[in-house]
Amino acid sequence: MGKHKLSLQWISWDYFGRVIATQKKGVVILKGEQRGRRTKDFLTIEGVVTEINEKDFKFSGKIITQVSFINGGKPCIREGLMTFRITGKRKYWRLEEINNPCDEVADYVDIFLR
């Protein structure tokens, strides 16, 4: 639970947004955002964790990305069940569904361990 760094590579890996994990009545809720410093680019995430394992978790909710040079600069919405996974020696969970559904690019949505 608590605050974790959040990033989308198109916005920045030098400065981060944050996602806050809270627990209510046994349900883990994630809500967060990352905003571009000089642009209108952003990443938002909001939903619930439906399953947690040692190296991954299932997330049900909505992720919205907007990047000036992707999808004509319009927001792209992912909704439904998604998986975040830690592989190798990474210190973060990465969204497994990396293919942007609105353009032919790969989005690295990462939630970092503390």
C-alpha atoms as a PDB file:
ATOM      1  CA  MET A   1       0.000   0.000   0.000  1.00  0.00           C
ATOM      2  CA  GLY A   2       1.094   3.594  -0.255  1.00  0.00           C
ATOM      3  CA  LYS A   3       2.676   5.739  -2.956  1.00  0.00           C
ATOM      4  CA  HIS A   4       4.646   4.321  -5.877  1.00  0.00           C
ATOM      5  CA  LYS A   5       6.360   5.911  -8.872  1.00  0.00           C
ATOM      6  CA  LEU A   6       4.451   5.656 -12.147  1.00  0.00           C
ATOM      7  CA  SER A   7       5.782   6.183 -15.656  1.00  0.00           C
ATOM      8  CA  LEU A   8       5.044   6.019 -19.350  1.00  0.00           C
ATOM      9  CA  GLN A   9       8.259   6.118 -21.390  1.00  0.00           C
ATOM     10  CA  TRP A  10       6.867   8.660 -23.868  1.00  0.00           C
ATOM     11  CA  ILE A  11       6.402  11.188 -21.052  1.00  0.00           C
ATOM     12  CA  SER A  12       9.619  10.645 -19.080  1.00  0.00           C
ATOM     13  CA  TRP A  13      11.804   8.189 -17.220  1.00  0.00           C
ATOM     14  CA  ASP A  14      13.616  11.130 -15.584  1.00  0.00           C
ATOM     15  CA  TYR A  15      10.678  12.393 -13.574  1.00  0.00           C
ATOM     16  CA  PHE A  16       7.731  10.317 -12.519  1.00  0.00           C
ATOM     17  CA  GLY A  17       4.086  10.460 -11.707  1.00  0.00           C
ATOM     18  CA  ARG A  18       2.693   8.504  -8.829  1.00  0.00           C
ATOM     19  CA  VAL A  19       0.083   5.910  -8.144  1.00  0.00           C
ATOM     20  CA  ILE A  20      -1.461   5.496  -4.729  1.00  0.00           C
ATOM     21  CA  ALA A  21      -2.518   2.046  -3.571  1.00  0.00           C
ATOM     22  CA  THR A  22      -5.170   1.973  -0.856  1.00  0.00           C
ATOM     23  CA  GLN A  23      -7.167  -0.832   0.627  1.00  0.00           C
ATOM     24  CA  LYS A  24     -10.869  -0.617   1.440  1.00  0.00           C
ATOM     25  CA  LYS A  25     -12.857  -3.592   2.688  1.00  0.00           C
ATOM     26  CA  GLY A  26     -10.159  -5.974   1.456  1.00  0.00           C
ATOM     27  CA  VAL A  27      -9.993  -4.482  -2.049  1.00  0.00           C
ATOM     28  CA  VAL A  28      -6.786  -2.834  -3.302  1.00  0.00           C
ATOM     29  CA  ILE A  29      -7.525   0.354  -5.258  1.00  0.00           C
ATOM     30  CA  LEU A  30      -4.995   2.004  -7.587  1.00  0.00           C
ATOM     31  CA  LYS A  31      -5.273   5.625  -8.678  1.00  0.00           C
ATOM     32  CA  GLY A  32      -2.571   7.778 -10.172  1.00  0.00           C
ATOM     33  CA  GLU A  33      -1.195   9.956 -12.931  1.00  0.00           C
ATOM     34  CA  GLN A  34       1.904  11.229 -14.682  1.00  0.00           C
ATOM     35  CA  ARG A  35       1.863  14.561 -16.511  1.00  0.00           C
ATOM     36  CA  GLY A  36       4.255  16.010 -19.075  1.00  0.00           C
ATOM     37  CA  ARG A  37       6.233  19.013 -17.866  1.00  0.00           C
ATOM     38  CA  ARG A  38       6.103  21.045 -21.061  1.00  0.00           C
ATOM     39  CA  THR A  39       3.389  19.226 -22.948  1.00  0.00           C
ATOM     40  CA  LYS A  40      -0.194  18.139 -22.469  1.00  0.00           C
ATOM     41  CA  ASP A  41       0.902  14.480 -22.448  1.00  0.00           C
ATOM     42  CA  PHE A  42      -0.430  12.388 -19.591  1.00  0.00           C
ATOM     43  CA  LEU A  43      -1.027   8.910 -18.184  1.00  0.00           C
ATOM     44  CA  THR A  44      -3.849   8.136 -15.762  1.00  0.00           C
ATOM     45  CA  ILE A  45      -4.694   4.865 -14.071  1.00  0.00           C
ATOM     46  CA  GLU A  46      -7.686   3.994 -11.929  1.00  0.00           C
ATOM     47  CA  GLY A  47      -9.147   0.666 -10.891  1.00  0.00           C
ATOM     48  CA  VAL A  48      -8.854  -2.304  -8.560  1.00  0.00           C
ATOM     49  CA  VAL A  49      -6.450  -5.192  -8.131  1.00  0.00           C
ATOM     50  CA  THR A  50      -8.343  -8.441  -8.602  1.00  0.00           C
ATOM     51  CA  GLU A  51      -5.500 -10.916  -8.037  1.00  0.00           C
ATOM     52  CA  ILE A  52      -1.982 -10.676  -6.595  1.00  0.00           C
ATOM     53  CA  ASN A  53       0.847 -13.188  -7.043  1.00  0.00           C
ATOM     54  CA  GLU A  54       4.564 -13.089  -6.269  1.00  0.00           C
ATOM     55  CA  LYS A  55       5.556 -11.619  -9.671  1.00  0.00           C
ATOM     56  CA  ASP A  56       2.354 -10.138 -11.068  1.00  0.00           C
ATOM     57  CA  PHE A  57      -1.052  -8.717 -10.375  1.00  0.00           C
ATOM     58  CA  LYS A  58      -4.311  -8.425 -12.286  1.00  0.00           C
ATOM     59  CA  PHE A  59      -5.805  -4.970 -12.614  1.00  0.00           C
ATOM     60  CA  SER A  60      -9.383  -4.184 -13.592  1.00  0.00           C
ATOM     61  CA  GLY A  61      -9.970  -0.596 -14.544  1.00  0.00           C
ATOM     62  CA  LYS A  62      -9.023   2.155 -16.935  1.00  0.00           C
ATOM     63  CA  ILE A  63      -5.679   3.428 -18.226  1.00  0.00           C
ATOM     64  CA  ILE A  64      -5.687   6.569 -20.366  1.00  0.00           C
ATOM     65  CA  THR A  65      -2.626   7.831 -22.237  1.00  0.00           C
ATOM     66  CA  GLN A  66      -2.251  10.965 -24.303  1.00  0.00           C
ATOM     67  CA  VAL A  67       0.981  11.664 -26.166  1.00  0.00           C
ATOM     68  CA  SER A  68       1.289  14.452 -28.739  1.00  0.00           C
ATOM     69  CA  PHE A  69       2.787  12.237 -31.475  1.00  0.00           C
ATOM     70  CA  ILE A  70       0.689   9.094 -30.890  1.00  0.00           C
ATOM     71  CA  ASN A  71      -2.916   8.623 -32.031  1.00  0.00           C
ATOM     72  CA  GLY A  72      -2.979  12.153 -33.448  1.00  0.00           C
ATOM     73  CA  GLY A  73      -2.430  13.568 -29.959  1.00  0.00           C
ATOM     74  CA  LYS A  74      -5.824  12.279 -28.790  1.00  0.00           C
ATOM     75  CA  PRO A  75      -6.384  10.250 -25.607  1.00  0.00           C
ATOM     76  CA  CYS A  76      -6.199   6.475 -25.894  1.00  0.00           C
ATOM     77  CA  ILE A  77      -8.292   4.455 -23.453  1.00  0.00           C
ATOM     78  CA  ARG A  78      -7.649   0.904 -22.269  1.00  0.00           C
ATOM     79  CA  GLU A  79     -10.395  -0.650 -20.163  1.00  0.00           C
ATOM     80  CA  GLY A  80     -10.927  -4.025 -18.606  1.00  0.00           C
ATOM     81  CA  LEU A  81      -8.689  -6.677 -17.118  1.00  0.00           C
ATOM     82  CA  MET A  82      -4.923  -6.137 -17.520  1.00  0.00           C
ATOM     83  CA  THR A  83      -1.774  -7.686 -16.047  1.00  0.00           C
ATOM     84  CA  PHE A  84       1.263  -5.998 -14.506  1.00  0.00           C
ATOM     85  CA  ARG A  85       4.336  -8.222 -14.150  1.00  0.00           C
ATOM     86  CA  ILE A  86       7.857  -8.129 -12.713  1.00  0.00           C
ATOM     87  CA  THR A  87      10.420  -9.993 -14.859  1.00  0.00           C
ATOM     88  CA  GLY A  88      14.096 -10.665 -14.274  1.00  0.00           C
ATOM     89  CA  LYS A  89      15.641  -8.271 -11.759  1.00  0.00           C
ATOM     90  CA  ARG A  90      13.342  -5.371 -12.566  1.00  0.00           C
ATOM     91  CA  LYS A  91      12.292  -3.147  -9.685  1.00  0.00           C
ATOM     92  CA  TYR A  92       8.897  -2.437 -11.219  1.00  0.00           C
ATOM     93  CA  TRP A  93       5.740  -4.025 -12.557  1.00  0.00           C
ATOM     94  CA  ARG A  94       5.198  -3.438 -16.294  1.00  0.00           C
ATOM     95  CA  LEU A  95       1.836  -3.548 -18.028  1.00  0.00           C
ATOM     96  CA  GLU A  96       1.889  -6.750 -20.086  1.00  0.00           C
ATOM     97  CA  GLU A  97      -0.536  -5.433 -22.701  1.00  0.00           C
ATOM     98  CA  ILE A  98       2.097  -3.085 -24.152  1.00  0.00           C
ATOM     99  CA  ASN A  99       0.566  -2.715 -27.618  1.00  0.00           C
ATOM    100  CA  ASN A 100      -1.193   0.633 -27.779  1.00  0.00           C
ATOM    101  CA  PRO A 101      -4.758  -0.125 -28.978  1.00  0.00           C
ATOM    102  CA  CYS A 102      -4.975   3.266 -30.755  1.00  0.00           C
ATOM    103  CA  ASP A 103      -1.672   3.334 -32.692  1.00  0.00           C
ATOM    104  CA  GLU A 104       1.142   1.004 -33.746  1.00  0.00           C
ATOM    105  CA  VAL A 105       3.484   1.637 -30.812  1.00  0.00           C
ATOM    106  CA  ALA A 106       4.434  -0.109 -27.573  1.00  0.00           C
ATOM    107  CA  ASP A 107       3.630   1.688 -24.318  1.00  0.00           C
ATOM    108  CA  TYR A 108       5.706   0.884 -21.236  1.00  0.00           C
ATOM    109  CA  VAL A 109       3.424   1.638 -18.314  1.00  0.00           C
ATOM    110  CA  ASP A 110       5.479   0.937 -15.198  1.00  0.00           C
ATOM    111  CA  ILE A 111       4.648   0.955 -11.484  1.00  0.00           C
ATOM    112  CA  PHE A 112       7.791   0.950  -9.365  1.00  0.00           C
ATOM    113  CA  LEU A 113       8.441  -0.851  -6.112  1.00  0.00           C
ATOM    114  CA  ARG A 114       9.203   1.428  -3.200  1.00  0.00           C
END
